[in-house]
Structure formats: C-alpha cells, structure tokens
Amino acid sequence: MKLTREQRKKIINLFPKQRGNVTVDNSRFLDAIIYVRINRWAKNGVLERIFKALQEEQITNKRIRVVSLDSRSVKVHPDAAGAVKKTETRPWGSPVGG
C-alpha cells in the first residue's frame, strides 16, 4: 500500500526536516512502515477480521479476492527454466553429431 500524491500533500509538513547524510527520504520511510504493519496484519488475519466485520455491519459490500502466483506454485519444464542440457557422448568422449 502506498499513499497517493494527494494524501502525501496533506501530511508532508508533519515530516521531520531531513538533515545530514540521510539516504532514505521521509516518504519512502513512511511507505516501509505502512508495508510492515499491513503485511503483519495480513499474515495474522487482522485484515480479514476487519473486512468481515465491515461486511457483516454492511459498512462495505466489497469482497476481497486475491490470486497470487509465484515460483513455488507455477511449474515449468526444466528446459524452459534454463536447465543444463544433457548430451549423449561417444565412448571416446566426443559428442554425438560432432
């Protein structure tokens, strides 16, 4: 989750002045804080409970559905993944066809 430009404009004057050799700007630091909290809440089921309660109270009727694919869930043939090709060799060590 990231704040929009309009949301940032409303709070930019609340950020501390950056001094010295700071390598990460305040906006990026705030994004990291938000990410950590949202990520922790998602893993602990907090967000699911909140959205469920909002739906039960009919405060919102949005259904959250997420599909996520990564390398653990998508399998490809070894050749497509860049696996080393095995070649047949002749008894004296030179490759077939060579």
PDB file of N, CA and C in Angstrom:
ATOM      1  N   MET A   1       0.835  -1.171   0.000  1.00  0.00           N
ATOM      2  CA  MET A   1       0.000   0.000   0.000  1.00  0.00           C
ATOM      3  C   MET A   1       0.880   1.235   0.000  1.00  0.00           C
ATOM      4  N   LYS A   2       0.549   2.165  -0.849  1.00  0.00           N
ATOM      5  CA  LYS A   2       1.267   3.431  -0.888  1.00  0.00           C
ATOM      6  C   LYS A   2       0.263   4.567  -0.820  1.00  0.00           C
ATOM      7  N   LEU A   3       0.710   5.666  -0.256  1.00  0.00           N
ATOM      8  CA  LEU A   3      -0.138   6.845  -0.198  1.00  0.00           C
ATOM      9  C   LEU A   3      -0.176   7.513  -1.568  1.00  0.00           C
ATOM     10  N   THR A   4      -1.296   8.120  -1.876  1.00  0.00           N
ATOM     11  CA  THR A   4      -1.412   8.858  -3.129  1.00  0.00           C
ATOM     12  C   THR A   4      -0.715  10.207  -2.988  1.00  0.00           C
ATOM     13  N   ARG A   5      -0.515  10.872  -4.096  1.00  0.00           N
ATOM     14  CA  ARG A   5       0.112  12.198  -4.083  1.00  0.00           C
ATOM     15  C   ARG A   5      -0.712  13.183  -3.253  1.00  0.00           C
ATOM     16  N   GLU A   6      -2.030  13.090  -3.383  1.00  0.00           N
ATOM     17  CA  GLU A   6      -2.912  13.982  -2.624  1.00  0.00           C
ATOM     18  C   GLU A   6      -2.804  13.720  -1.121  1.00  0.00           C
ATOM     19  N   GLN A   7      -2.726  12.437  -0.738  1.00  0.00           N
ATOM     20  CA  GLN A   7      -2.596  12.094   0.681  1.00  0.00           C
ATOM     21  C   GLN A   7      -1.256  12.584   1.228  1.00  0.00           C
ATOM     22  N   ARG A   8      -0.206  12.456   0.446  1.00  0.00           N
ATOM     23  CA  ARG A   8       1.116  12.916   0.887  1.00  0.00           C
ATOM     24  C   ARG A   8       1.139  14.427   1.093  1.00  0.00           C
ATOM     25  N   LYS A   9       0.480  15.156   0.194  1.00  0.00           N
ATOM     26  CA  LYS A   9       0.448  16.624   0.308  1.00  0.00           C
ATOM     27  C   LYS A   9      -0.174  17.062   1.624  1.00  0.00           C
ATOM     28  N   LYS A  10      -1.133  16.281   2.121  1.00  0.00           N
ATOM     29  CA  LYS A  10      -1.819  16.652   3.364  1.00  0.00           C
ATOM     30  C   LYS A  10      -0.940  16.464   4.602  1.00  0.00           C
ATOM     31  N   ILE A  11       0.056  15.590   4.522  1.00  0.00           N
ATOM     32  CA  ILE A  11       0.870  15.298   5.712  1.00  0.00           C
ATOM     33  C   ILE A  11       2.338  15.662   5.564  1.00  0.00           C
ATOM     34  N   ILE A  12       2.750  16.174   4.400  1.00  0.00           N
ATOM     35  CA  ILE A  12       4.167  16.438   4.155  1.00  0.00           C
ATOM     36  C   ILE A  12       4.765  17.404   5.172  1.00  0.00           C
ATOM     37  N   ASN A  13       3.983  18.365   5.638  1.00  0.00           N
ATOM     38  CA  ASN A  13       4.509  19.331   6.607  1.00  0.00           C
ATOM     39  C   ASN A  13       4.674  18.733   8.005  1.00  0.00           C
ATOM     40  N   LEU A  14       4.183  17.520   8.233  1.00  0.00           N
ATOM     41  CA  LEU A  14       4.329  16.849   9.530  1.00  0.00           C
ATOM     42  C   LEU A  14       5.634  16.052   9.626  1.00  0.00           C
ATOM     43  N   PHE A  15       6.255  15.794   8.477  1.00  0.00           N
ATOM     44  CA  PHE A  15       7.509  15.035   8.469  1.00  0.00           C
ATOM     45  C   PHE A  15       8.633  15.873   9.076  1.00  0.00           C
ATOM     46  N   PRO A  16       9.596  15.223   9.739  1.00  0.00           N
ATOM     47  CA  PRO A  16      10.743  15.974  10.255  1.00  0.00           C
ATOM     48  C   PRO A  16      11.632  16.450   9.106  1.00  0.00           C
ATOM     49  N   LYS A  17      12.369  17.520   9.345  1.00  0.00           N
ATOM     50  CA  LYS A  17      13.330  18.016   8.347  1.00  0.00           C
ATOM     51  C   LYS A  17      14.468  17.008   8.235  1.00  0.00           C
ATOM     52  N   GLN A  18      14.843  16.711   7.017  1.00  0.00           N
ATOM     53  CA  GLN A  18      15.941  15.768   6.817  1.00  0.00           C
ATOM     54  C   GLN A  18      17.257  16.524   6.840  1.00  0.00           C
ATOM     55  N   ARG A  19      18.190  16.019   7.652  1.00  0.00           N
ATOM     56  CA  ARG A  19      19.498  16.658   7.791  1.00  0.00           C
ATOM     57  C   ARG A  19      20.583  15.613   7.665  1.00  0.00           C
ATOM     58  N   GLY A  20      21.769  16.066   7.360  1.00  0.00           N
ATOM     59  CA  GLY A  20      22.913  15.170   7.322  1.00  0.00           C
ATOM     60  C   GLY A  20      22.912  14.266   6.102  1.00  0.00           C
ATOM     61  N   ASN A  21      23.473  13.091   6.289  1.00  0.00           N
ATOM     62  CA  ASN A  21      23.649  12.160   5.168  1.00  0.00           C
ATOM     63  C   ASN A  21      22.542  11.107   5.139  1.00  0.00           C
ATOM     64  N   VAL A  22      21.300  11.544   5.209  1.00  0.00           N
ATOM     65  CA  VAL A  22      20.151  10.644   5.170  1.00  0.00           C
ATOM     66  C   VAL A  22      20.014  10.118   3.751  1.00  0.00           C
ATOM     67  N   THR A  23      19.930   8.787   3.604  1.00  0.00           N
ATOM     68  CA  THR A  23      19.842   8.205   2.263  1.00  0.00           C
ATOM     69  C   THR A  23      18.418   7.833   1.875  1.00  0.00           C
ATOM     70  N   VAL A  24      17.518   7.733   2.839  1.00  0.00           N
ATOM     71  CA  VAL A  24      16.128   7.374   2.553  1.00  0.00           C
ATOM     72  C   VAL A  24      15.245   8.566   2.897  1.00  0.00           C
ATOM     73  N   ASP A  25      14.444   9.009   1.918  1.00  0.00           N
ATOM     74  CA  ASP A  25      13.603  10.168   2.196  1.00  0.00           C
ATOM     75  C   ASP A  25      12.414   9.770   3.068  1.00  0.00           C
ATOM     76  N   ASN A  26      11.767  10.769   3.648  1.00  0.00           N
ATOM     77  CA  ASN A  26      10.671  10.537   4.591  1.00  0.00           C
ATOM     78  C   ASN A  26       9.511   9.765   3.973  1.00  0.00           C
ATOM     79  N   SER A  27       9.173  10.057   2.725  1.00  0.00           N
ATOM     80  CA  SER A  27       8.053   9.372   2.072  1.00  0.00           C
ATOM     81  C   SER A  27       8.329   7.880   1.945  1.00  0.00           C
ATOM     82  N   ARG A  28       9.540   7.548   1.563  1.00  0.00           N
ATOM     83  CA  ARG A  28       9.906   6.137   1.413  1.00  0.00           C
ATOM     84  C   ARG A  28       9.893   5.425   2.766  1.00  0.00           C
ATOM     85  N   PHE A  29      10.356   6.108   3.803  1.00  0.00           N
ATOM     86  CA  PHE A  29      10.353   5.541   5.142  1.00  0.00           C
ATOM     87  C   PHE A  29       8.926   5.277   5.612  1.00  0.00           C
ATOM     88  N   LEU A  30       8.023   6.225   5.351  1.00  0.00           N
ATOM     89  CA  LEU A  30       6.624   6.044   5.711  1.00  0.00           C
ATOM     90  C   LEU A  30       6.020   4.852   4.965  1.00  0.00           C
ATOM     91  N   ASP A  31       6.346   4.710   3.670  1.00  0.00           N
ATOM     92  CA  ASP A  31       5.873   3.554   2.892  1.00  0.00           C
ATOM     93  C   ASP A  31       6.321   2.246   3.536  1.00  0.00           C
ATOM     94  N   ALA A  32       7.558   2.206   4.018  1.00  0.00           N
ATOM     95  CA  ALA A  32       8.083   0.992   4.656  1.00  0.00           C
ATOM     96  C   ALA A  32       7.319   0.670   5.936  1.00  0.00           C
ATOM     97  N   ILE A  33       7.032   1.680   6.732  1.00  0.00           N
ATOM     98  CA  ILE A  33       6.280   1.473   7.974  1.00  0.00           C
ATOM     99  C   ILE A  33       4.887   0.927   7.664  1.00  0.00           C
ATOM    100  N   ILE A  34       4.221   1.534   6.697  1.00  0.00           N
ATOM    101  CA  ILE A  34       2.880   1.080   6.311  1.00  0.00           C
ATOM    102  C   ILE A  34       2.941  -0.353   5.809  1.00  0.00           C
ATOM    103  N   TYR A  35       3.934  -0.670   4.974  1.00  0.00           N
ATOM    104  CA  TYR A  35       4.061  -2.027   4.433  1.00  0.00           C
ATOM    105  C   TYR A  35       4.238  -3.046   5.552  1.00  0.00           C
ATOM    106  N   VAL A  36       5.127  -2.756   6.493  1.00  0.00           N
ATOM    107  CA  VAL A  36       5.396  -3.704   7.578  1.00  0.00           C
ATOM    108  C   VAL A  36       4.130  -3.975   8.378  1.00  0.00           C
ATOM    109  N   ARG A  37       3.394  -2.920   8.726  1.00  0.00           N
ATOM    110  CA  ARG A  37       2.175  -3.106   9.527  1.00  0.00           C
ATOM    111  C   ARG A  37       1.108  -3.871   8.728  1.00  0.00           C
ATOM    112  N   ILE A  38       0.875  -3.468   7.492  1.00  0.00           N
ATOM    113  CA  ILE A  38      -0.139  -4.130   6.679  1.00  0.00           C
ATOM    114  C   ILE A  38       0.238  -5.592   6.454  1.00  0.00           C
ATOM    115  N   ASN A  39       1.507  -5.847   6.181  1.00  0.00           N
ATOM    116  CA  ASN A  39       1.977  -7.220   5.967  1.00  0.00           C
ATOM    117  C   ASN A  39       1.766  -8.063   7.217  1.00  0.00           C
ATOM    118  N   ARG A  40       2.115  -7.528   8.374  1.00  0.00           N
ATOM    119  CA  ARG A  40       1.940  -8.258   9.640  1.00  0.00           C
ATOM    120  C   ARG A  40       0.463  -8.521   9.910  1.00  0.00           C
ATOM    121  N   TRP A  41      -0.374  -7.528   9.688  1.00  0.00           N
ATOM    122  CA  TRP A  41      -1.811  -7.695   9.907  1.00  0.00           C
ATOM    123  C   TRP A  41      -2.402  -8.706   8.949  1.00  0.00           C
ATOM    124  N   ALA A  42      -1.941  -8.715   7.714  1.00  0.00           N
ATOM    125  CA  ALA A  42      -2.444  -9.682   6.729  1.00  0.00           C
ATOM    126  C   ALA A  42      -2.075 -11.101   7.148  1.00  0.00           C
ATOM    127  N   LYS A  43      -0.831 -11.302   7.579  1.00  0.00           N
ATOM    128  CA  LYS A  43      -0.375 -12.643   7.989  1.00  0.00           C
ATOM    129  C   LYS A  43      -1.089 -13.122   9.252  1.00  0.00           C
ATOM    130  N   ASN A  44      -1.428 -12.208  10.150  1.00  0.00           N
ATOM    131  CA  ASN A  44      -2.081 -12.579  11.410  1.00  0.00           C
ATOM    132  C   ASN A  44      -3.596 -12.663  11.303  1.00  0.00           C
ATOM    133  N   GLY A  45      -4.159 -12.358  10.128  1.00  0.00           N
ATOM    134  CA  GLY A  45      -5.600 -12.446   9.939  1.00  0.00           C
ATOM    135  C   GLY A  45      -6.377 -11.226  10.395  1.00  0.00           C
ATOM    136  N   VAL A  46      -5.667 -10.177  10.821  1.00  0.00           N
ATOM    137  CA  VAL A  46      -6.333  -8.971  11.311  1.00  0.00           C
ATOM    138  C   VAL A  46      -7.163  -8.324  10.205  1.00  0.00           C
ATOM    139  N   LEU A  47      -6.582  -8.175   9.020  1.00  0.00           N
ATOM    140  CA  LEU A  47      -7.307  -7.528   7.922  1.00  0.00           C
ATOM    141  C   LEU A  47      -8.546  -8.315   7.536  1.00  0.00           C
ATOM    142  N   GLU A  48      -8.427  -9.634   7.515  1.00  0.00           N
ATOM    143  CA  GLU A  48      -9.579 -10.475   7.178  1.00  0.00           C
ATOM    144  C   GLU A  48     -10.707 -10.272   8.180  1.00  0.00           C
ATOM    145  N   ARG A  49     -10.366 -10.205   9.474  1.00  0.00           N
ATOM    146  CA  ARG A  49     -11.385  -9.979  10.502  1.00  0.00           C
ATOM    147  C   ARG A  49     -12.032  -8.605  10.360  1.00  0.00           C
ATOM    148  N   ILE A  50     -11.222  -7.600  10.049  1.00  0.00           N
ATOM    149  CA  ILE A  50     -11.754  -6.247   9.881  1.00  0.00           C
ATOM    150  C   ILE A  50     -12.724  -6.200   8.712  1.00  0.00           C
ATOM    151  N   PHE A  51     -12.318  -6.749   7.557  1.00  0.00           N
ATOM    152  CA  PHE A  51     -13.194  -6.710   6.386  1.00  0.00           C
ATOM    153  C   PHE A  51     -14.460  -7.536   6.600  1.00  0.00           C
ATOM    154  N   LYS A  52     -14.329  -8.643   7.312  1.00  0.00           N
ATOM    155  CA  LYS A  52     -15.503  -9.459   7.599  1.00  0.00           C
ATOM    156  C   LYS A  52     -16.493  -8.682   8.473  1.00  0.00           C
ATOM    157  N   ALA A  53     -15.972  -8.002   9.498  1.00  0.00           N
ATOM    158  CA  ALA A  53     -16.836  -7.203  10.376  1.00  0.00           C
ATOM    159  C   ALA A  53     -17.495  -6.060   9.605  1.00  0.00           C
ATOM    160  N   LEU A  54     -16.753  -5.417   8.721  1.00  0.00           N
ATOM    161  CA  LEU A  54     -17.314  -4.339   7.906  1.00  0.00           C
ATOM    162  C   LEU A  54     -18.429  -4.857   7.006  1.00  0.00           C
ATOM    163  N   GLN A  55     -18.248  -6.069   6.473  1.00  0.00           N
ATOM    164  CA  GLN A  55     -19.277  -6.658   5.622  1.00  0.00           C
ATOM    165  C   GLN A  55     -20.501  -7.055   6.437  1.00  0.00           C
ATOM    166  N   GLU A  56     -20.286  -7.615   7.628  1.00  0.00           N
ATOM    167  CA  GLU A  56     -21.409  -8.026   8.475  1.00  0.00           C
ATOM    168  C   GLU A  56     -22.242  -6.827   8.914  1.00  0.00           C
ATOM    169  N   GLU A  57     -21.577  -5.710   9.168  1.00  0.00           N
ATOM    170  CA  GLU A  57     -22.279  -4.492   9.569  1.00  0.00           C
ATOM    171  C   GLU A  57     -22.793  -3.712   8.363  1.00  0.00           C
ATOM    172  N   GLN A  58     -22.572  -4.257   7.196  1.00  0.00           N
ATOM    173  CA  GLN A  58     -22.968  -3.643   5.927  1.00  0.00           C
ATOM    174  C   GLN A  58     -22.395  -2.236   5.761  1.00  0.00           C
ATOM    175  N   ILE A  59     -21.205  -2.056   6.291  1.00  0.00           N
ATOM    176  CA  ILE A  59     -20.478  -0.795   6.090  1.00  0.00           C
ATOM    177  C   ILE A  59     -19.867  -0.798   4.694  1.00  0.00           C
ATOM    178  N   THR A  60     -19.483  -1.979   4.251  1.00  0.00           N
ATOM    179  CA  THR A  60     -18.986  -2.138   2.893  1.00  0.00           C
ATOM    180  C   THR A  60     -19.500  -3.454   2.334  1.00  0.00           C
ATOM    181  N   ASN A  61     -19.658  -3.509   1.034  1.00  0.00           N
ATOM    182  CA  ASN A  61     -20.081  -4.760   0.413  1.00  0.00           C
ATOM    183  C   ASN A  61     -19.010  -5.285  -0.532  1.00  0.00           C
ATOM    184  N   LYS A  62     -17.795  -4.806  -0.373  1.00  0.00           N
ATOM    185  CA  LYS A  62     -16.685  -5.249  -1.210  1.00  0.00           C
ATOM    186  C   LYS A  62     -16.197  -6.612  -0.746  1.00  0.00           C
ATOM    187  N   ARG A  63     -15.974  -7.490  -1.676  1.00  0.00           N
ATOM    188  CA  ARG A  63     -15.381  -8.800  -1.388  1.00  0.00           C
ATOM    189  C   ARG A  63     -13.933  -8.757  -1.844  1.00  0.00           C
ATOM    190  N   ILE A  64     -13.035  -9.117  -0.962  1.00  0.00           N
ATOM    191  CA  ILE A  64     -11.623  -9.122  -1.286  1.00  0.00           C
ATOM    192  C   ILE A  64     -11.242 -10.524  -1.748  1.00  0.00           C
ATOM    193  N   ARG A  65     -10.775 -10.603  -2.979  1.00  0.00           N
ATOM    194  CA  ARG A  65     -10.315 -11.877  -3.527  1.00  0.00           C
ATOM    195  C   ARG A  65      -8.958 -11.652  -4.152  1.00  0.00           C
ATOM    196  N   VAL A  66      -8.011 -12.465  -3.780  1.00  0.00           N
ATOM    197  CA  VAL A  66      -6.651 -12.296  -4.267  1.00  0.00           C
ATOM    198  C   VAL A  66      -6.149 -13.626  -4.808  1.00  0.00           C
ATOM    199  N   VAL A  67      -5.498 -13.564  -5.946  1.00  0.00           N
ATOM    200  CA  VAL A  67      -4.830 -14.732  -6.512  1.00  0.00           C
ATOM    201  C   VAL A  67      -3.366 -14.370  -6.637  1.00  0.00           C
ATOM    202  N   SER A  68      -2.519 -15.206  -6.114  1.00  0.00           N
ATOM    203  CA  SER A  68      -1.092 -14.935  -6.148  1.00  0.00           C
ATOM    204  C   SER A  68      -0.358 -16.134  -6.735  1.00  0.00           C
ATOM    205  N   LEU A  69       0.517 -15.864  -7.666  1.00  0.00           N
ATOM    206  CA  LEU A  69       1.326 -16.915  -8.275  1.00  0.00           C
ATOM    207  C   LEU A  69       2.788 -16.565  -8.078  1.00  0.00           C
ATOM    208  N   ASP A  70       3.565 -17.548  -7.704  1.00  0.00           N
ATOM    209  CA  ASP A  70       4.999 -17.341  -7.640  1.00  0.00           C
ATOM    210  C   ASP A  70       5.700 -18.620  -8.073  1.00  0.00           C
ATOM    211  N   SER A  71       7.002 -18.650  -7.938  1.00  0.00           N
ATOM    212  CA  SER A  71       7.761 -19.784  -8.447  1.00  0.00           C
ATOM    213  C   SER A  71       7.438 -21.087  -7.734  1.00  0.00           C
ATOM    214  N   ARG A  72       6.857 -21.015  -6.549  1.00  0.00           N
ATOM    215  CA  ARG A  72       6.504 -22.242  -5.848  1.00  0.00           C
ATOM    216  C   ARG A  72       5.205 -22.836  -6.363  1.00  0.00           C
ATOM    217  N   SER A  73       4.381 -22.031  -7.047  1.00  0.00           N
ATOM    218  CA  SER A  73       3.091 -22.537  -7.500  1.00  0.00           C
ATOM    219  C   SER A  73       3.011 -22.723  -9.008  1.00  0.00           C
ATOM    220  N   VAL A  74       3.979 -22.236  -9.749  1.00  0.00           N
ATOM    221  CA  VAL A  74       3.989 -22.379 -11.198  1.00  0.00           C
ATOM    222  C   VAL A  74       5.188 -23.232 -11.574  1.00  0.00           C
ATOM    223  N   LYS A  75       4.911 -24.382 -12.132  1.00  0.00           N
ATOM    224  CA  LYS A  75       5.988 -25.296 -12.512  1.00  0.00           C
ATOM    225  C   LYS A  75       6.130 -25.309 -14.026  1.00  0.00           C
ATOM    226  N   VAL A  76       7.366 -25.312 -14.483  1.00  0.00           N
ATOM    227  CA  VAL A  76       7.633 -25.372 -15.913  1.00  0.00           C
ATOM    228  C   VAL A  76       8.565 -26.552 -16.184  1.00  0.00           C
ATOM    229  N   HIS A  77       8.646 -26.920 -17.435  1.00  0.00           N
ATOM    230  CA  HIS A  77       9.560 -27.976 -17.845  1.00  0.00           C
ATOM    231  C   HIS A  77      10.987 -27.503 -17.597  1.00  0.00           C
ATOM    232  N   PRO A  78      11.905 -28.389 -17.165  1.00  0.00           N
ATOM    233  CA  PRO A  78      13.283 -27.972 -16.877  1.00  0.00           C
ATOM    234  C   PRO A  78      13.960 -27.242 -18.037  1.00  0.00           C
ATOM    235  N   ASP A  79      13.637 -27.615 -19.289  1.00  0.00           N
ATOM    236  CA  ASP A  79      14.244 -26.926 -20.427  1.00  0.00           C
ATOM    237  C   ASP A  79      13.837 -25.456 -20.463  1.00  0.00           C
ATOM    238  N   ALA A  80      12.614 -25.163 -20.078  1.00  0.00           N
ATOM    239  CA  ALA A  80      12.135 -23.784 -20.092  1.00  0.00           C
ATOM    240  C   ALA A  80      12.764 -22.963 -18.976  1.00  0.00           C
ATOM    241  N   ALA A  81      13.228 -23.615 -17.933  1.00  0.00           N
ATOM    242  CA  ALA A  81      13.805 -22.915 -16.792  1.00  0.00           C
ATOM    243  C   ALA A  81      15.307 -22.709 -16.942  1.00  0.00           C
ATOM    244  N   GLY A  82      15.873 -23.073 -18.097  1.00  0.00           N
ATOM    245  CA  GLY A  82      17.299 -22.864 -18.331  1.00  0.00           C
ATOM    246  C   GLY A  82      18.180 -23.956 -17.773  1.00  0.00           C
ATOM    247  N   ALA A  83      17.629 -25.158 -17.597  1.00  0.00           N
ATOM    248  CA  ALA A  83      18.424 -26.270 -17.079  1.00  0.00           C
ATOM    249  C   ALA A  83      19.496 -26.655 -18.087  1.00  0.00           C
ATOM    250  N   VAL A  84      20.615 -27.166 -17.595  1.00  0.00           N
ATOM    251  CA  VAL A  84      21.691 -27.611 -18.470  1.00  0.00           C
ATOM    252  C   VAL A  84      21.207 -28.811 -19.264  1.00  0.00           C
ATOM    253  N   LYS A  85      21.439 -28.764 -20.559  1.00  0.00           N
ATOM    254  CA  LYS A  85      21.008 -29.847 -21.440  1.00  0.00           C
ATOM    255  C   LYS A  85      22.014 -30.994 -21.349  1.00  0.00           C
ATOM    256  N   LYS A  86      21.515 -32.192 -21.222  1.00  0.00           N
ATOM    257  CA  LYS A  86      22.375 -33.362 -21.184  1.00  0.00           C
ATOM    258  C   LYS A  86      22.595 -33.819 -22.618  1.00  0.00           C
ATOM    259  N   THR A  87      23.843 -34.076 -22.972  1.00  0.00           N
ATOM    260  CA  THR A  87      24.139 -34.557 -24.324  1.00  0.00           C
ATOM    261  C   THR A  87      24.731 -35.945 -24.233  1.00  0.00           C
ATOM    262  N   GLU A  88      24.394 -36.742 -25.214  1.00  0.00           N
ATOM    263  CA  GLU A  88      24.932 -38.099 -25.283  1.00  0.00           C
ATOM    264  C   GLU A  88      26.356 -38.015 -25.796  1.00  0.00           C
ATOM    265  N   THR A  89      27.266 -38.771 -25.194  1.00  0.00           N
ATOM    266  CA  THR A  89      28.656 -38.763 -25.654  1.00  0.00           C
ATOM    267  C   THR A  89      29.029 -40.126 -26.188  1.00  0.00           C
ATOM    268  N   ARG A  90      29.982 -40.134 -27.109  1.00  0.00           N
ATOM    269  CA  ARG A  90      30.510 -41.381 -27.661  1.00  0.00           C
ATOM    270  C   ARG A  90      31.537 -41.944 -26.687  1.00  0.00           C
ATOM    271  N   PRO A  91      31.849 -43.199 -26.843  1.00  0.00           N
ATOM    272  CA  PRO A  91      32.802 -43.825 -25.923  1.00  0.00           C
ATOM    273  C   PRO A  91      34.142 -43.077 -25.814  1.00  0.00           C
ATOM    274  N   TRP A  92      34.608 -42.450 -26.878  1.00  0.00           N
ATOM    275  CA  TRP A  92      35.911 -41.789 -26.833  1.00  0.00           C
ATOM    276  C   TRP A  92      35.810 -40.331 -26.401  1.00  0.00           C
ATOM    277  N   GLY A  93      34.596 -39.889 -25.989  1.00  0.00           N
ATOM    278  CA  GLY A  93      34.450 -38.595 -25.357  1.00  0.00           C
ATOM    279  C   GLY A  93      33.958 -37.455 -26.231  1.00  0.00           C
ATOM    280  N   SER A  94      33.877 -37.639 -27.554  1.00  0.00           N
ATOM    281  CA  SER A  94      33.367 -36.533 -28.371  1.00  0.00           C
ATOM    282  C   SER A  94      31.849 -36.626 -28.466  1.00  0.00           C
ATOM    283  N   PRO A  95      31.142 -35.489 -28.501  1.00  0.00           N
ATOM    284  CA  PRO A  95      29.678 -35.506 -28.557  1.00  0.00           C
ATOM    285  C   PRO A  95      29.161 -36.132 -29.843  1.00  0.00           C
ATOM    286  N   VAL A  96      27.961 -36.676 -29.772  1.00  0.00           N
ATOM    287  CA  VAL A  96      27.312 -37.262 -30.949  1.00  0.00           C
ATOM    288  C   VAL A  96      27.050 -36.159 -31.952  1.00  0.00           C
ATOM    289  N   GLY A  97      27.266 -36.437 -33.221  1.00  0.00           N
ATOM    290  CA  GLY A  97      26.998 -35.473 -34.279  1.00  0.00           C
ATOM    291  C   GLY A  97      28.106 -34.443 -34.435  1.00  0.00           C
ATOM    292  N   GLY A  98      29.201 -34.606 -33.740  1.00  0.00           N
ATOM    293  CA  GLY A  98      30.238 -33.586 -33.797  1.00  0.00           C
ATOM    294  C   GLY A  98      31.507 -34.038 -34.400  1.00  0.00           C
TER     295      GLY A  98
END
